[in-house]
């Protein structure tokens, strides 16, 4: 019934951009009603994004892997997403989660997705917690690969660098980068160690 209602709304206001704040974990991904709901909107909004400590390891219903599979499902249906990391500001060590959330967006973005957050998204206005984070200005260029598993980390390559993500449950992993790369804070690395729920955005030096 809800899928039918969403389709009626789509038909009634066909000229509008519609976003559905969809609970990604409710229906099996092969359920035809999920496909109907996704296709009745232009965008699916993932309210808690990937900067979400409740995401689990493995491949279960609430896992990081299942959430990435949901992203793939939405893309396969010809639609796009708003990856909304709405919790970052309230998490312990928000700076770690900030880069982690953005790196996951780079892993999933097909070039037409959006990133949204409420943490450090305003020009300087007196409150350091609200100041603009220059990490949002990073220009990795065009993606040259899909995401892939590399030395037990998830990686995606771009013309100007790459991103590395260690999702929930991942063992602390040290990798040789093969060259020097600069992170978004200006630090140079030739090797790097990432624990679970950590990520690094690396720019060609």
Protein backbone atom coordinates (compact mmCIF):
# COMPACT_ATOMS: atom_id res chain seq x y z
CA UNK A 1 0.00 0.00 0.00
CA UNK A 2 2.79 2.43 0.86
CA UNK A 3 4.59 1.70 -2.42
CA UNK A 4 1.36 2.41 -4.29
CA UNK A 5 0.92 5.67 -2.39
CA UNK A 6 4.48 6.75 -3.24
CA UNK A 7 3.82 5.99 -6.91
CA UNK A 8 0.66 8.12 -6.80
CA UNK A 9 2.64 11.03 -5.35
CA UNK A 10 5.27 10.63 -8.07
CA UNK A 11 2.59 10.74 -10.76
CA UNK A 12 0.80 13.72 -9.21
CA UNK A 13 3.92 15.89 -8.98
CA UNK A 14 6.06 14.45 -11.74
CA UNK A 15 8.00 17.70 -12.26
CA UNK A 16 9.32 17.81 -8.69
CA UNK A 17 12.50 16.31 -7.25
CA UNK A 18 11.42 13.86 -4.55
CA UNK A 19 13.61 12.39 -1.83
CA UNK A 20 12.51 9.45 0.32
CA UNK A 21 14.03 9.06 3.78
CA UNK A 22 14.06 5.29 3.49
CA UNK A 23 14.95 2.74 6.17
CA UNK A 24 17.49 0.75 4.18
CA UNK A 25 17.41 -2.35 6.42
CA UNK A 26 13.65 -3.08 6.48
CA UNK A 27 12.98 -5.05 3.27
CA UNK A 28 15.00 -7.75 1.49
CA UNK A 29 16.72 -6.17 -1.48
CA UNK A 30 14.90 -8.46 -3.94
CA UNK A 31 11.48 -7.37 -2.64
CA UNK A 32 9.60 -5.79 -5.58
CA UNK A 33 7.98 -3.24 -3.25
CA UNK A 34 11.40 -1.90 -2.35
CA UNK A 35 12.14 -1.38 -6.04
CA UNK A 36 8.81 0.39 -6.48
CA UNK A 37 9.47 2.71 -3.54
CA UNK A 38 13.01 3.57 -4.67
CA UNK A 39 11.92 4.27 -8.24
CA UNK A 40 9.06 6.50 -7.06
CA UNK A 41 11.67 9.03 -5.87
CA UNK A 42 14.61 10.78 -7.48
CA UNK A 43 16.77 10.34 -4.39
CA UNK A 44 16.95 7.98 -1.44
CA UNK A 45 18.12 9.67 1.77
CA UNK A 46 20.25 7.54 4.10
CA UNK A 47 19.78 9.55 7.28
CA UNK A 48 22.60 8.04 9.34
CA UNK A 49 25.03 7.53 6.47
CA UNK A 50 28.19 5.56 7.18
CA UNK A 51 29.41 7.65 10.13
CA UNK A 52 27.24 5.41 12.25
CA UNK A 53 28.78 3.36 15.09
CA UNK A 54 25.73 1.09 15.18
CA UNK A 55 26.72 -0.47 11.85
CA UNK A 56 28.00 -4.00 12.41
CA UNK A 57 30.71 -6.22 11.00
CA UNK A 58 29.97 -9.21 8.78
CA UNK A 59 27.12 -9.40 6.30
CA UNK A 60 24.03 -9.28 8.52
CA UNK A 61 20.99 -7.04 8.25
CA UNK A 62 22.60 -4.07 10.02
CA UNK A 63 26.11 -4.44 8.65
CA UNK A 64 28.33 -2.03 6.73
CA UNK A 65 28.34 -4.59 3.92
CA UNK A 66 24.54 -4.68 3.75
CA UNK A 67 24.36 -0.89 3.66
CA UNK A 68 26.81 -0.74 0.75
CA UNK A 69 24.71 -3.42 -0.96
CA UNK A 70 21.68 -1.15 -0.52
CA UNK A 71 23.60 1.64 -2.25
CA UNK A 72 24.33 -0.73 -5.13
CA UNK A 73 20.65 -1.68 -5.30
CA UNK A 74 19.53 1.95 -5.55
CA UNK A 75 22.10 2.59 -8.31
CA UNK A 76 21.01 -0.55 -10.17
CA UNK A 77 17.44 0.80 -10.13
CA UNK A 78 18.63 3.98 -11.83
CA UNK A 79 18.32 6.24 -8.80
CA UNK A 80 20.75 8.11 -6.55
CA UNK A 81 21.29 8.79 -2.87
CA UNK A 82 21.93 11.48 -0.31
CA UNK A 83 24.49 10.04 2.10
CA UNK A 84 23.52 12.00 5.23
CA UNK A 85 25.98 11.69 8.12
CA UNK A 86 23.67 13.39 10.58
CA UNK A 87 25.26 11.97 13.76
CA UNK A 88 28.88 13.03 13.32
CA UNK A 89 28.77 16.09 15.55
CA UNK A 90 27.51 14.07 18.53
CA UNK A 91 29.90 11.11 18.29
CA UNK A 92 33.03 10.58 20.38
CA UNK A 93 36.03 11.70 18.29
CA UNK A 94 33.91 13.43 15.63
CA UNK A 95 37.00 14.33 13.56
CA UNK A 96 37.73 10.63 12.98
CA UNK A 97 34.12 9.98 11.99
CA UNK A 98 34.11 13.07 9.78
CA UNK A 99 36.87 11.73 7.51
CA UNK A 100 35.47 8.21 7.76
CA UNK A 101 32.04 9.35 6.58
CA UNK A 102 33.44 11.36 3.69
CA UNK A 103 35.73 8.51 2.60
CA UNK A 104 32.77 6.12 2.53
CA UNK A 105 30.91 8.60 0.35
CA UNK A 106 33.81 8.51 -2.11
CA UNK A 107 33.59 4.71 -2.06
CA UNK A 108 29.89 4.70 -2.97
CA UNK A 109 29.37 7.81 -5.15
CA UNK A 110 28.54 7.05 -8.77
CA UNK A 111 29.07 10.69 -9.72
CA UNK A 112 25.46 11.72 -9.13
CA UNK A 113 25.07 11.10 -5.40
CA UNK A 114 25.18 13.78 -2.70
CA UNK A 115 26.85 14.13 0.69
CA UNK A 116 25.17 15.87 3.62
CA UNK A 117 26.25 16.51 7.19
CA UNK A 118 25.67 19.03 9.98
CA UNK A 119 29.25 19.03 11.31
CA UNK A 120 31.55 21.95 10.41
CA UNK A 121 29.54 23.03 7.41
CA UNK A 122 29.34 26.79 7.90
CA UNK A 123 31.80 29.59 7.12
CA UNK A 124 33.60 30.85 10.23
CA UNK A 125 31.09 32.56 12.48
CA UNK A 126 32.71 32.53 15.91
CA UNK A 127 31.93 28.93 16.91
CA UNK A 128 34.80 26.56 15.95
CA UNK A 129 32.37 23.62 15.98
CA UNK A 130 30.52 25.23 13.08
CA UNK A 131 33.48 26.41 11.02
CA UNK A 132 33.80 25.06 7.49
CA UNK A 133 36.01 21.96 7.27
CA UNK A 134 38.32 22.21 4.26
CA UNK A 135 38.14 18.45 3.81
CA UNK A 136 34.86 19.06 2.01
CA UNK A 137 36.85 20.96 -0.65
CA UNK A 138 39.05 17.98 -1.53
CA UNK A 139 39.26 17.30 -5.26
CA UNK A 140 40.13 13.67 -5.98
CA UNK A 141 39.18 14.03 -9.63
CA UNK A 142 37.32 11.30 -11.47
CA UNK A 143 36.97 7.76 -10.16
CA UNK A 144 39.11 5.30 -12.12
CA UNK A 145 37.92 2.12 -10.36
CA UNK A 146 34.90 0.90 -8.40
CA UNK A 147 35.52 0.15 -4.72
CA UNK A 148 37.60 -2.99 -4.20
CA UNK A 149 39.20 -4.92 -1.35
CA UNK A 150 42.92 -4.20 -1.05
CA UNK A 151 45.09 -5.62 1.75
CA UNK A 152 41.97 -6.11 3.92
CA UNK A 153 40.91 -2.48 3.41
CA UNK A 154 38.32 -1.07 1.03
CA UNK A 155 39.86 1.16 -1.60
CA UNK A 156 38.81 3.28 -4.55
CA UNK A 157 41.16 5.03 -6.94
CA UNK A 158 40.76 8.48 -8.47
CA UNK A 159 42.81 10.55 -10.89
CA UNK A 160 44.20 12.65 -8.01
CA UNK A 161 44.52 10.03 -5.27
CA UNK A 162 42.51 7.33 -3.52
CA UNK A 163 40.54 6.53 -0.36
CA UNK A 164 41.00 3.71 2.15
CA UNK A 165 38.28 2.51 4.55
CA UNK A 166 38.47 -0.04 7.35
CA UNK A 167 34.82 -0.86 8.16
CA UNK A 168 33.36 -2.17 11.43
CA UNK A 169 35.11 -5.29 12.71
CA UNK A 170 38.19 -4.84 10.56
CA UNK A 171 41.52 -5.71 12.17
CA UNK A 172 44.06 -2.91 12.50
CA UNK A 173 45.95 -3.00 9.20
CA UNK A 174 49.21 -1.39 8.09
CA UNK A 175 49.80 -0.97 4.35
CA UNK A 176 52.65 0.25 2.18
CA UNK A 177 51.25 2.89 -0.15
CA UNK A 178 54.04 2.48 -2.70
CA UNK A 179 54.72 6.24 -2.84
CA UNK A 180 54.20 9.38 -0.77
CA UNK A 181 50.67 10.71 -0.47
CA UNK A 182 49.22 13.73 1.34
CA UNK A 183 46.12 13.51 3.52
CA UNK A 184 43.52 16.25 3.77
CA UNK A 185 45.40 17.79 6.70
CA UNK A 186 48.66 18.09 4.77
CA UNK A 187 50.42 15.13 6.41
CA UNK A 188 52.63 12.96 4.19
CA UNK A 189 52.46 9.15 4.27
CA UNK A 190 54.23 6.26 2.57
CA UNK A 191 52.71 3.68 4.94
CA UNK A 192 49.51 3.95 6.95
CA UNK A 193 47.71 2.05 9.71
CA UNK A 194 43.92 2.01 10.00
CA UNK A 195 41.83 0.46 12.76
CA UNK A 196 38.14 -0.37 12.39
CA UNK A 197 35.90 2.60 11.59
CA UNK A 198 38.88 4.58 10.36
CA UNK A 199 39.59 5.91 6.89
CA UNK A 200 42.04 8.10 5.05
CA UNK A 201 41.61 10.29 2.00
CA UNK A 202 44.96 10.44 0.21
CA UNK A 203 46.00 12.90 -2.47
CA UNK A 204 48.82 12.37 -4.94
CA UNK A 205 51.95 14.19 -3.74
